[in-house]
Amino acid sequence: MLLSGPWPARRYGDDASPDPDAWPDGTLTTGDADRFARYADLRAFYDGDQWLGRAQRHETRLVFNYARSLIRKTSSYVFPAPVRFSVTPDTDSADARDAANRVERLLAATISTLQLDQLDLALATDAAVIGDAAMKVTWDAARRRPRVVAVDPAALVVRHEAGDPWSISTVYHAYGQTGREIERLVTQDQASRLALDANRAYPVVETWSESRWRLAVAGQDVVDAPNPYGWIPYVLATNDPLPGSVWGMSDLTDLIDTCRELNRRMTVLSRVLELSGAPIAVLENVDGSEGISVGPGAKWELPEGAKAYLLDLLQGGGADTHIAYIDLLYRALHDLSETPRTAFGDSGRDLSGAALEVEIQPLVQKVNRKRRTWNAVYTQRNAMLLDLMERFGGDAIDGLRQTTAIWPPVLPSDRDSAVRNAVALVGTGIQSRRGAMASLGEEDPDAELARLREEGHAFRVALP
């Protein structure tokens, strides 16, 4: 077995998926190869490679990367603040609630230690770009805590249960590692049997099912053992999941043509303005242009019947036509991305609170759609974290696995109004004090309630 436990996941930027020949026979399908190519094209577009074909000599190509701006904006609305989690108790008894509160604090501390808030924002952005994101959840024996790392979806191939395309039965994870990295993670007998060059990169393939996990290096089997977790340690965070598939769809799909056309039209308008700043002299009925120069104080002597004038490309409102078309593209871009201009702080007019909410409603609906996907991601990942902490870390989890995400509000809210609503709900018995505190952003409602009881006892005020 490996010295450090299950093989670590590779981070983005390390050697990505190896050559297709490195995958086990029959693993890589045509659909997977097309998916990998689509990922590469979408990432290139997001990074600014938005023109088709090669540029001609001295050709100017402007790129206004609205694709990146819109995706970052949407991700910021999905995660305007860290997501908190409530652990569901097994029963409604006081002991069960206390146990759930203790596990809830332990989970929050683990998430903070692993900096999963930053990882989630990065994965949400990547999922919006290429349609998919993934992470691997394992146990770090050296640090005695869970380990969660991002995994490039272009390095994953999955197989699903027969008749259930959303239930994954097997995951193949392929990447590259140098011989030195591999030798640090395997036993001496395994390293000597592999006979690896320390500086050479080798293809590595992990195969995970619920019952077993296998590891192959350069086509040689190194590990074939029972799965130490009992579940597949990969979580897929798909963007707008497709029916009948575990993979999602990129937010850029509907924006590519509009972004390219906007770049072309803006480039044309830039050229028009550039030429207007350096006028073109037009000569008629003239055999040559010797001695003709454009500049302050220039004088031309033209033969009889000849004409000369400066070409004004802006004459007759020519630029206005370009600007009107660009405005149409600009509007189409915001409509297709479901991100109104109001999301950027510019509505163009004074709006009341209700009218502002109606105008930004498309973005709110888009954010809620994404959050529903992330709810499933959090349910799966938190269950993995709690299971690891109980089984391998020895923490008192009491078998609790079910959690509920508490999302921050999508739009800025009036805190005074929120407090008044919470007071009214508590006063009428519709909501508990703890629930009201959680909805108002209190990170540890139980500790705050305990402090309130202590103060109430000190001042002889009876609090429930």
Protein backbone atom coordinates (compact mmCIF):
# COMPACT_ATOMS: atom_id res chain seq x y z
CA MET A 1 0.00 0.00 0.00
CA LEU A 2 1.02 3.62 -0.35
CA LEU A 3 2.89 5.11 2.57
CA SER A 4 0.76 8.25 2.75
CA GLY A 5 -2.63 6.74 2.14
CA PRO A 6 -4.71 7.23 -1.02
CA TRP A 7 -3.00 8.89 -3.94
CA PRO A 8 -3.27 12.70 -3.80
CA ALA A 9 -5.29 14.63 -6.35
CA ARG A 10 -3.43 16.90 -8.74
CA ARG A 11 -4.02 20.63 -8.66
CA TYR A 12 -4.66 22.77 -11.69
CA GLY A 13 -1.46 23.84 -13.36
CA ASP A 14 0.33 20.56 -12.65
CA ASP A 15 0.69 18.14 -15.50
CA ALA A 16 -2.81 17.81 -16.93
CA SER A 17 -4.29 14.74 -18.56
CA PRO A 18 -1.59 12.60 -20.17
CA ASP A 19 -1.51 11.41 -23.73
CA PRO A 20 -4.75 9.63 -24.73
CA ASP A 21 -2.76 6.41 -25.16
CA ALA A 22 -2.05 6.44 -21.40
CA TRP A 23 -5.67 5.79 -20.52
CA PRO A 24 -6.63 2.14 -19.95
CA ASP A 25 -8.01 0.41 -23.01
CA GLY A 26 -11.66 1.22 -23.60
CA THR A 27 -11.70 4.03 -21.04
CA LEU A 28 -11.51 7.11 -23.26
CA THR A 29 -14.53 7.42 -25.54
CA THR A 30 -15.12 9.77 -28.44
CA GLY A 31 -17.49 11.76 -26.24
CA ASP A 32 -14.78 12.21 -23.60
CA ALA A 33 -12.23 13.33 -26.20
CA ASP A 34 -14.73 15.87 -27.57
CA ARG A 35 -15.39 17.10 -24.04
CA PHE A 36 -11.67 17.64 -23.40
CA ALA A 37 -11.34 19.59 -26.66
CA ARG A 38 -14.37 21.69 -25.76
CA TYR A 39 -12.82 22.52 -22.39
CA ALA A 40 -9.63 23.74 -24.09
CA ASP A 41 -11.56 25.95 -26.54
CA LEU A 42 -13.72 27.48 -23.80
CA ARG A 43 -10.76 28.21 -21.55
CA ALA A 44 -8.91 29.86 -24.43
CA PHE A 45 -11.96 32.01 -25.18
CA TYR A 46 -12.27 33.01 -21.52
CA ASP A 47 -8.59 33.98 -21.49
CA GLY A 48 -9.12 36.32 -24.45
CA ASP A 49 -8.44 34.18 -27.53
CA GLN A 50 -11.70 35.23 -29.18
CA TRP A 51 -10.82 35.85 -32.84
CA LEU A 52 -11.07 33.18 -35.52
CA GLY A 53 -8.13 32.48 -37.81
CA ARG A 54 -4.71 34.11 -37.82
CA ALA A 55 -4.31 37.86 -37.91
CA GLN A 56 -2.97 39.38 -41.11
CA ARG A 57 0.16 41.46 -41.09
CA HIS A 58 -0.34 44.81 -39.29
CA GLU A 59 -3.98 43.86 -38.55
CA THR A 60 -5.39 45.25 -35.32
CA ARG A 61 -7.63 42.95 -33.31
CA LEU A 62 -9.21 44.36 -30.18
CA VAL A 63 -10.63 42.09 -27.49
CA PHE A 64 -13.20 43.39 -25.03
CA ASN A 65 -13.38 40.42 -22.68
CA TYR A 66 -16.97 40.76 -21.49
CA ALA A 67 -17.08 36.96 -21.20
CA ARG A 68 -14.67 37.01 -18.28
CA SER A 69 -16.32 40.03 -16.67
CA LEU A 70 -19.83 38.54 -16.83
CA ILE A 71 -18.78 35.17 -15.43
CA ARG A 72 -16.85 36.74 -12.58
CA LYS A 73 -19.81 38.97 -11.81
CA THR A 74 -22.21 36.03 -11.68
CA SER A 75 -19.85 34.01 -9.46
CA SER A 76 -19.61 36.97 -7.10
CA TYR A 77 -23.40 37.06 -6.81
CA VAL A 78 -23.53 33.30 -6.17
CA PHE A 79 -20.93 33.62 -3.39
CA PRO A 80 -21.14 37.19 -2.04
CA ALA A 81 -20.10 35.83 1.38
CA PRO A 82 -19.12 32.44 2.82
CA VAL A 83 -21.84 29.79 2.94
CA ARG A 84 -22.63 28.42 6.39
CA PHE A 85 -24.11 25.02 7.23
CA SER A 86 -26.60 23.67 9.70
CA VAL A 87 -26.28 20.05 10.82
CA THR A 88 -29.57 18.18 11.09
CA PRO A 89 -29.98 16.31 14.42
CA ASP A 90 -31.16 12.70 14.45
CA THR A 91 -34.05 13.43 16.82
CA ASP A 92 -35.72 16.45 18.37
CA SER A 93 -34.28 15.83 21.82
CA ALA A 94 -32.08 18.38 23.59
CA ASP A 95 -29.10 15.99 23.55
CA ALA A 96 -29.46 15.45 19.79
CA ARG A 97 -29.63 19.19 19.17
CA ASP A 98 -26.54 19.76 21.31
CA ALA A 99 -24.69 17.05 19.39
CA ALA A 100 -25.73 18.62 16.08
CA ASN A 101 -24.56 22.04 17.26
CA ARG A 102 -21.19 20.60 18.29
CA VAL A 103 -20.74 18.89 14.92
CA GLU A 104 -21.83 22.07 13.18
CA ARG A 105 -19.04 24.03 14.87
CA LEU A 106 -16.52 21.30 14.07
CA LEU A 107 -17.54 21.31 10.41
CA ALA A 108 -17.30 25.11 10.25
CA ALA A 109 -13.79 25.01 11.75
CA THR A 110 -12.70 22.36 9.24
CA ILE A 111 -14.07 24.34 6.30
CA SER A 112 -12.28 27.43 7.55
CA THR A 113 -8.99 25.57 8.02
CA LEU A 114 -9.14 24.08 4.53
CA GLN A 115 -10.12 27.50 3.06
CA LEU A 116 -12.96 25.90 1.15
CA ASP A 117 -14.72 29.26 0.69
CA GLN A 118 -11.98 30.34 -1.72
CA LEU A 119 -12.00 26.96 -3.44
CA ASP A 120 -15.76 27.10 -3.97
CA LEU A 121 -15.58 30.52 -5.63
CA ALA A 122 -12.79 29.33 -7.93
CA LEU A 123 -14.69 26.15 -8.82
CA ALA A 124 -17.90 28.08 -9.48
CA THR A 125 -16.02 30.30 -11.92
CA ASP A 126 -14.37 27.34 -13.64
CA ALA A 127 -17.68 25.49 -13.89
CA ALA A 128 -19.27 28.55 -15.51
CA VAL A 129 -16.41 28.71 -18.03
CA ILE A 130 -16.19 25.09 -19.17
CA GLY A 131 -19.42 23.68 -17.75
CA ASP A 132 -17.86 21.42 -15.13
CA ALA A 133 -15.73 21.50 -12.00
CA ALA A 134 -14.56 18.73 -9.70
CA MET A 135 -12.88 18.17 -6.38
CA LYS A 136 -11.39 15.22 -4.57
CA VAL A 137 -12.02 14.57 -0.86
CA THR A 138 -9.54 12.30 0.93
CA TRP A 139 -7.94 11.86 4.34
CA ASP A 140 -4.54 13.47 4.97
CA ALA A 141 -2.89 11.04 7.39
CA ALA A 142 0.11 13.30 8.00
CA ARG A 143 -2.00 16.30 9.09
CA ARG A 144 -4.82 14.16 10.49
CA ARG A 145 -7.52 16.10 8.73
CA PRO A 146 -9.52 15.89 5.49
CA ARG A 147 -7.94 17.07 2.27
CA VAL A 148 -9.99 18.75 -0.46
CA VAL A 149 -8.35 19.75 -3.73
CA ALA A 150 -9.58 20.86 -7.13
CA VAL A 151 -9.38 18.34 -9.95
CA ASP A 152 -9.32 19.26 -13.62
CA PRO A 153 -12.44 17.74 -15.28
CA ALA A 154 -10.27 17.21 -18.37
CA ALA A 155 -8.45 14.55 -16.34
CA LEU A 156 -11.61 12.64 -15.39
CA VAL A 157 -13.63 9.96 -17.12
CA VAL A 158 -16.70 8.57 -15.36
CA ARG A 159 -18.95 5.58 -15.86
CA HIS A 160 -22.49 5.52 -14.54
CA GLU A 161 -24.86 2.87 -13.32
CA ALA A 162 -26.92 1.14 -16.00
CA GLY A 163 -30.14 3.08 -16.56
CA ASP A 164 -29.14 5.87 -14.14
CA PRO A 165 -26.88 8.43 -15.85
CA TRP A 166 -26.51 10.53 -12.67
CA SER A 167 -25.23 7.69 -10.44
CA ILE A 168 -21.50 7.30 -10.92
CA SER A 169 -20.14 3.76 -10.60
CA THR A 170 -16.49 4.30 -11.59
CA VAL A 171 -14.14 7.27 -11.88
CA TYR A 172 -10.88 7.25 -13.85
CA HIS A 173 -8.46 10.04 -12.93
CA ALA A 174 -5.42 10.49 -15.18
CA TYR A 175 -2.54 12.93 -14.66
CA GLY A 176 1.24 13.12 -14.76
CA GLN A 177 3.85 12.98 -12.01
CA THR A 178 7.62 12.87 -12.04
CA GLY A 179 9.51 9.81 -10.90
CA ARG A 180 10.73 11.70 -7.82
CA GLU A 181 7.18 12.55 -6.77
CA ILE A 182 6.06 8.98 -7.27
CA GLU A 183 8.97 7.55 -5.25
CA ARG A 184 8.01 9.70 -2.25
CA LEU A 185 4.52 8.21 -2.21
CA VAL A 186 5.07 4.51 -2.78
CA THR A 187 6.94 1.86 -0.84
CA GLN A 188 10.57 1.09 -1.60
CA ASP A 189 9.63 -2.27 -3.12
CA GLN A 190 7.10 -0.60 -5.40
CA ALA A 191 9.58 2.10 -6.42
CA SER A 192 12.31 -0.43 -7.22
CA ARG A 193 9.88 -2.49 -9.26
CA LEU A 194 8.83 0.56 -11.27
CA ALA A 195 12.46 1.67 -11.91
CA LEU A 196 11.48 5.29 -12.58
CA ASP A 197 13.64 8.14 -13.82
CA ALA A 198 13.48 10.81 -11.08
CA ASN A 199 13.12 13.76 -13.51
CA ARG A 200 10.86 12.20 -16.08
CA ALA A 201 7.09 12.64 -16.03
CA TYR A 202 4.99 9.47 -16.08
CA PRO A 203 1.27 8.99 -16.70
CA VAL A 204 -0.66 8.02 -13.59
CA VAL A 205 -4.20 6.62 -13.64
CA GLU A 206 -6.38 6.13 -10.57
CA THR A 207 -9.51 3.99 -10.84
CA TRP A 208 -12.12 4.34 -8.09
CA SER A 209 -15.30 2.44 -7.40
CA GLU A 210 -17.20 2.08 -4.15
CA SER A 211 -15.55 -1.27 -3.46
CA ARG A 212 -12.00 -0.92 -4.86
CA TRP A 213 -9.36 1.55 -5.97
CA ARG A 214 -6.48 0.90 -8.31
CA LEU A 215 -3.36 2.85 -9.21
CA ALA A 216 -1.31 2.40 -12.37
CA VAL A 217 1.96 4.20 -13.18
CA ALA A 218 3.20 4.15 -16.78
CA GLY A 219 0.85 1.28 -17.51
CA GLN A 220 2.08 -0.82 -14.55
CA ASP A 221 -0.34 -1.69 -11.75
CA VAL A 222 0.99 -0.47 -8.40
CA VAL A 223 -2.02 -0.75 -6.10
CA ASP A 224 -5.21 -2.80 -6.33
CA ALA A 225 -6.90 -2.74 -2.93
CA PRO A 226 -10.28 -2.29 -1.24
CA ASN A 227 -11.56 1.28 -1.21
CA PRO A 228 -10.66 2.60 2.28
CA TYR A 229 -13.62 5.00 2.27
CA GLY A 230 -16.47 2.91 0.92
CA TRP A 231 -17.47 5.76 -1.40
CA ILE A 232 -15.93 7.36 -4.49
CA PRO A 233 -13.94 10.41 -3.25
CA TYR A 234 -14.84 12.73 -6.14
CA VAL A 235 -17.51 15.44 -6.20
CA LEU A 236 -18.66 16.94 -9.50
CA ALA A 237 -19.97 20.51 -9.53
CA THR A 238 -21.70 20.84 -12.88
CA ASN A 239 -23.04 24.06 -14.34
CA ASP A 240 -26.59 23.81 -15.74
CA PRO A 241 -26.55 19.98 -15.73
CA LEU A 242 -27.66 18.36 -18.95
CA PRO A 243 -30.48 15.78 -18.86
CA GLY A 244 -29.08 12.28 -18.97
CA SER A 245 -25.50 13.32 -18.26
CA VAL A 246 -23.26 14.00 -15.27
CA TRP A 247 -21.62 16.85 -17.22
CA GLY A 248 -22.90 20.40 -17.55
CA MET A 249 -22.95 23.29 -20.01
CA SER A 250 -20.80 26.41 -20.11
CA ASP A 251 -22.25 29.88 -19.57
CA LEU A 252 -20.18 30.97 -22.58
CA THR A 253 -22.14 28.82 -25.03
CA ASP A 254 -24.65 31.56 -25.87
CA LEU A 255 -22.15 34.43 -25.62
CA ILE A 256 -19.37 33.37 -28.00
CA ASP A 257 -20.86 34.70 -31.26
CA THR A 258 -21.99 37.95 -29.66
CA CYS A 259 -18.58 38.55 -28.06
CA ARG A 260 -16.79 37.92 -31.33
CA GLU A 261 -19.08 40.25 -33.24
CA LEU A 262 -18.66 42.92 -30.58
CA ASN A 263 -14.88 42.64 -30.89
CA ARG A 264 -15.11 42.98 -34.69
CA ARG A 265 -17.43 46.00 -34.61
CA MET A 266 -15.41 47.77 -31.93
CA THR A 267 -12.24 47.14 -33.94
CA VAL A 268 -13.87 48.60 -37.07
CA LEU A 269 -15.01 51.68 -35.16
CA SER A 270 -11.51 52.06 -33.72
CA ARG A 271 -10.04 52.02 -37.23
CA VAL A 272 -12.55 54.61 -38.45
CA LEU A 273 -11.68 56.96 -35.60
CA GLU A 274 -7.97 56.38 -36.13
CA LEU A 275 -8.21 57.25 -39.83
CA SER A 276 -10.34 60.29 -39.04
CA GLY A 277 -7.58 61.54 -36.76
CA ALA A 278 -5.08 61.22 -39.63
CA PRO A 279 -7.14 62.35 -42.68
CA ILE A 280 -6.68 60.78 -46.11
CA ALA A 281 -6.02 63.24 -48.93
CA VAL A 282 -8.06 62.43 -52.04
CA LEU A 283 -6.77 63.79 -55.39
CA GLU A 284 -8.74 63.74 -58.64
CA ASN A 285 -7.39 64.29 -62.18
CA VAL A 286 -3.80 64.33 -60.90
CA ASP A 287 -1.02 62.19 -62.40
CA GLY A 288 1.22 62.18 -59.31
CA SER A 289 1.33 63.21 -55.66
CA GLU A 290 4.84 64.65 -55.49
CA GLY A 291 4.94 67.74 -53.32
CA ILE A 292 1.53 66.99 -51.82
CA SER A 293 1.63 66.76 -48.01
CA VAL A 294 -1.00 67.15 -45.30
CA GLY A 295 -0.15 69.42 -42.40
CA PRO A 296 -0.62 72.88 -40.89
CA GLY A 297 0.16 75.63 -43.42
CA ALA A 298 0.54 73.22 -46.34
CA LYS A 299 -0.09 74.65 -49.82
CA TRP A 300 -0.89 72.62 -52.90
CA GLU A 301 -0.52 73.68 -56.51
CA LEU A 302 -2.84 71.60 -58.65
CA PRO A 303 -3.19 71.54 -62.42
CA GLU A 304 -6.29 72.94 -64.04
CA GLY A 305 -9.32 70.71 -63.61
CA ALA A 306 -7.85 68.82 -60.63
CA LYS A 307 -9.58 68.48 -57.28
CA ALA A 308 -8.28 67.76 -53.80
CA TYR A 309 -10.06 67.22 -50.51
CA LEU A 310 -9.72 65.36 -47.22
CA LEU A 311 -11.78 62.21 -46.78
CA ASP A 312 -14.06 62.55 -43.75
CA LEU A 313 -15.10 59.09 -42.65
CA LEU A 314 -17.39 60.56 -39.99
CA GLN A 315 -19.34 62.66 -42.48
CA GLY A 316 -23.07 61.97 -42.54
CA GLY A 317 -23.10 60.28 -39.14
CA GLY A 318 -21.24 57.17 -40.28
CA ALA A 319 -19.89 56.51 -36.81
CA ASP A 320 -23.37 56.71 -35.32
CA THR A 321 -24.41 53.62 -37.28
CA HIS A 322 -21.51 51.66 -35.80
CA ILE A 323 -22.30 52.90 -32.30
CA ALA A 324 -25.99 52.00 -32.63
CA TYR A 325 -25.08 48.47 -33.73
CA ILE A 326 -22.59 48.12 -30.87
CA ASP A 327 -25.32 49.19 -28.44
CA LEU A 328 -27.54 46.42 -29.81
CA LEU A 329 -24.75 43.88 -29.33
CA TYR A 330 -24.17 45.22 -25.86
CA ARG A 331 -27.83 44.73 -24.97
CA ALA A 332 -27.88 41.24 -26.47
CA LEU A 333 -24.83 40.34 -24.42
CA HIS A 334 -26.54 41.31 -21.17
CA ASP A 335 -29.80 39.59 -22.15
CA LEU A 336 -28.10 36.33 -23.12
CA SER A 337 -25.97 36.30 -19.97
CA GLU A 338 -29.02 37.07 -17.77
CA THR A 339 -26.93 39.81 -16.16
CA PRO A 340 -28.63 43.21 -16.46
CA ARG A 341 -26.53 46.35 -16.50
CA THR A 342 -27.97 47.09 -13.07
CA ALA A 343 -25.75 44.31 -11.68
CA PHE A 344 -22.78 46.54 -12.49
CA GLY A 345 -24.27 49.43 -10.51
CA ASP A 346 -25.56 51.39 -13.51
CA SER A 347 -29.27 51.23 -14.23
CA GLY A 348 -29.27 54.44 -16.24
CA ARG A 349 -32.15 55.88 -14.23
CA ASP A 350 -33.43 56.28 -10.69
CA LEU A 351 -35.39 53.24 -9.57
CA SER A 352 -37.31 52.40 -6.43
CA GLY A 353 -36.34 49.35 -4.41
CA ALA A 354 -39.12 47.22 -5.87
CA ALA A 355 -38.39 48.34 -9.43
CA LEU A 356 -34.69 47.62 -8.92
CA GLU A 357 -35.46 44.08 -7.75
CA VAL A 358 -37.67 43.48 -10.80
CA GLU A 359 -34.94 44.71 -13.14
CA ILE A 360 -32.28 42.49 -11.64
CA GLN A 361 -34.62 39.49 -11.31
CA PRO A 362 -33.06 37.57 -14.26
CA LEU A 363 -29.72 37.49 -12.44
CA VAL A 364 -31.39 36.45 -9.18
CA GLN A 365 -33.08 33.54 -10.96
CA LYS A 366 -29.76 32.54 -12.54
CA VAL A 367 -28.01 32.64 -9.17
CA ASN A 368 -30.73 30.55 -7.52
CA ARG A 369 -30.44 28.03 -10.33
CA LYS A 370 -26.72 27.68 -9.68
CA ARG A 371 -27.23 27.48 -5.93
CA ARG A 372 -29.57 24.51 -6.33
CA THR A 373 -26.71 22.65 -8.00
CA TRP A 374 -24.31 23.65 -5.25
CA ASN A 375 -26.75 22.47 -2.59
CA ALA A 376 -26.30 18.93 -3.93
CA VAL A 377 -22.51 19.45 -4.02
CA TYR A 378 -22.44 20.59 -0.40
CA THR A 379 -24.66 17.74 0.77
CA GLN A 380 -22.25 15.22 -0.76
CA ARG A 381 -19.01 16.95 0.25
CA ASN A 382 -20.04 17.65 3.84
CA ALA A 383 -21.12 14.04 4.30
CA MET A 384 -17.66 12.98 3.10
CA LEU A 385 -15.92 15.41 5.45
CA LEU A 386 -17.94 14.29 8.47
CA ASP A 387 -17.39 10.64 7.63
CA LEU A 388 -13.61 11.16 7.36
CA MET A 389 -13.42 13.11 10.61
CA GLU A 390 -15.34 10.44 12.49
CA ARG A 391 -13.74 7.29 11.02
CA PHE A 392 -10.14 8.45 10.60
CA GLY A 393 -9.89 11.47 12.90
CA GLY A 394 -11.77 10.04 15.86
CA ASP A 395 -14.02 13.10 16.24
CA ALA A 396 -17.34 12.72 18.04
CA ILE A 397 -19.66 13.05 15.05
CA ASP A 398 -22.27 10.56 16.35
CA GLY A 399 -23.02 9.40 12.81
CA LEU A 400 -24.40 12.76 11.74
CA ARG A 401 -24.04 13.38 7.99
CA GLN A 402 -26.99 15.51 6.85
CA THR A 403 -26.36 19.26 6.44
CA THR A 404 -28.28 22.22 5.07
CA ALA A 405 -26.62 25.19 3.37
CA ILE A 406 -27.43 28.66 4.72
CA TRP A 407 -26.85 31.03 1.82
CA PRO A 408 -26.15 34.74 2.14
CA PRO A 409 -28.70 37.03 0.47
CA VAL A 410 -28.17 37.55 -3.26
CA LEU A 411 -28.88 41.28 -3.09
CA PRO A 412 -27.89 43.82 -0.47
CA SER A 413 -30.61 44.01 2.14
CA ASP A 414 -31.85 46.63 4.56
CA ARG A 415 -30.64 45.27 7.90
CA ASP A 416 -33.09 47.34 9.91
CA SER A 417 -35.96 45.90 7.90
CA ALA A 418 -34.53 42.37 8.23
CA VAL A 419 -34.26 42.77 12.01
CA ARG A 420 -37.84 43.99 12.25
CA ASN A 421 -39.04 41.00 10.22
CA ALA A 422 -37.05 38.60 12.37
CA VAL A 423 -38.47 40.11 15.57
CA ALA A 424 -41.99 39.79 14.18
CA LEU A 425 -41.44 36.14 13.18
CA VAL A 426 -40.02 35.24 16.59
CA GLY A 427 -42.77 37.14 18.40
CA THR A 428 -45.50 35.27 16.53
CA GLY A 429 -43.82 31.89 17.05
CA ILE A 430 -43.15 31.34 13.36
CA GLN A 431 -39.36 31.30 13.75
CA SER A 432 -37.04 30.40 16.61
CA ARG A 433 -34.51 32.78 18.13
CA ARG A 434 -31.72 30.59 16.84
CA GLY A 435 -33.15 30.58 13.32
CA ALA A 436 -33.55 34.36 13.39
CA MET A 437 -29.93 34.81 14.47
CA ALA A 438 -28.74 32.51 11.69
CA SER A 439 -30.78 34.38 9.07
CA LEU A 440 -29.26 37.68 10.26
CA GLY A 441 -25.74 36.38 9.78
CA GLU A 442 -24.77 35.26 13.28
CA GLU A 443 -22.03 32.65 12.83
CA ASP A 444 -22.62 30.86 16.16
CA PRO A 445 -26.25 31.33 17.29
CA ASP A 446 -25.91 28.85 20.16
CA ALA A 447 -22.97 30.69 21.71
CA GLU A 448 -24.80 33.98 21.33
CA LEU A 449 -27.92 32.54 22.99
CA ALA A 450 -25.76 31.26 25.85
CA ARG A 451 -24.30 34.73 26.33
CA LEU A 452 -27.80 36.22 26.35
CA ARG A 453 -28.88 33.77 29.06
CA GLU A 454 -25.82 34.64 31.14
CA GLU A 455 -26.57 38.34 30.84
CA GLY A 456 -30.23 37.71 31.63
CA HIS A 457 -29.26 35.78 34.76
CA ALA A 458 -26.87 38.55 35.80
CA PHE A 459 -29.58 41.17 35.43
CA ARG A 460 -32.30 38.83 36.75
CA VAL A 461 -34.05 38.82 33.41
CA ALA A 462 -35.66 35.54 32.53
CA LEU A 463 -34.88 34.44 29.00
CA PRO A 464 -36.27 31.24 27.47
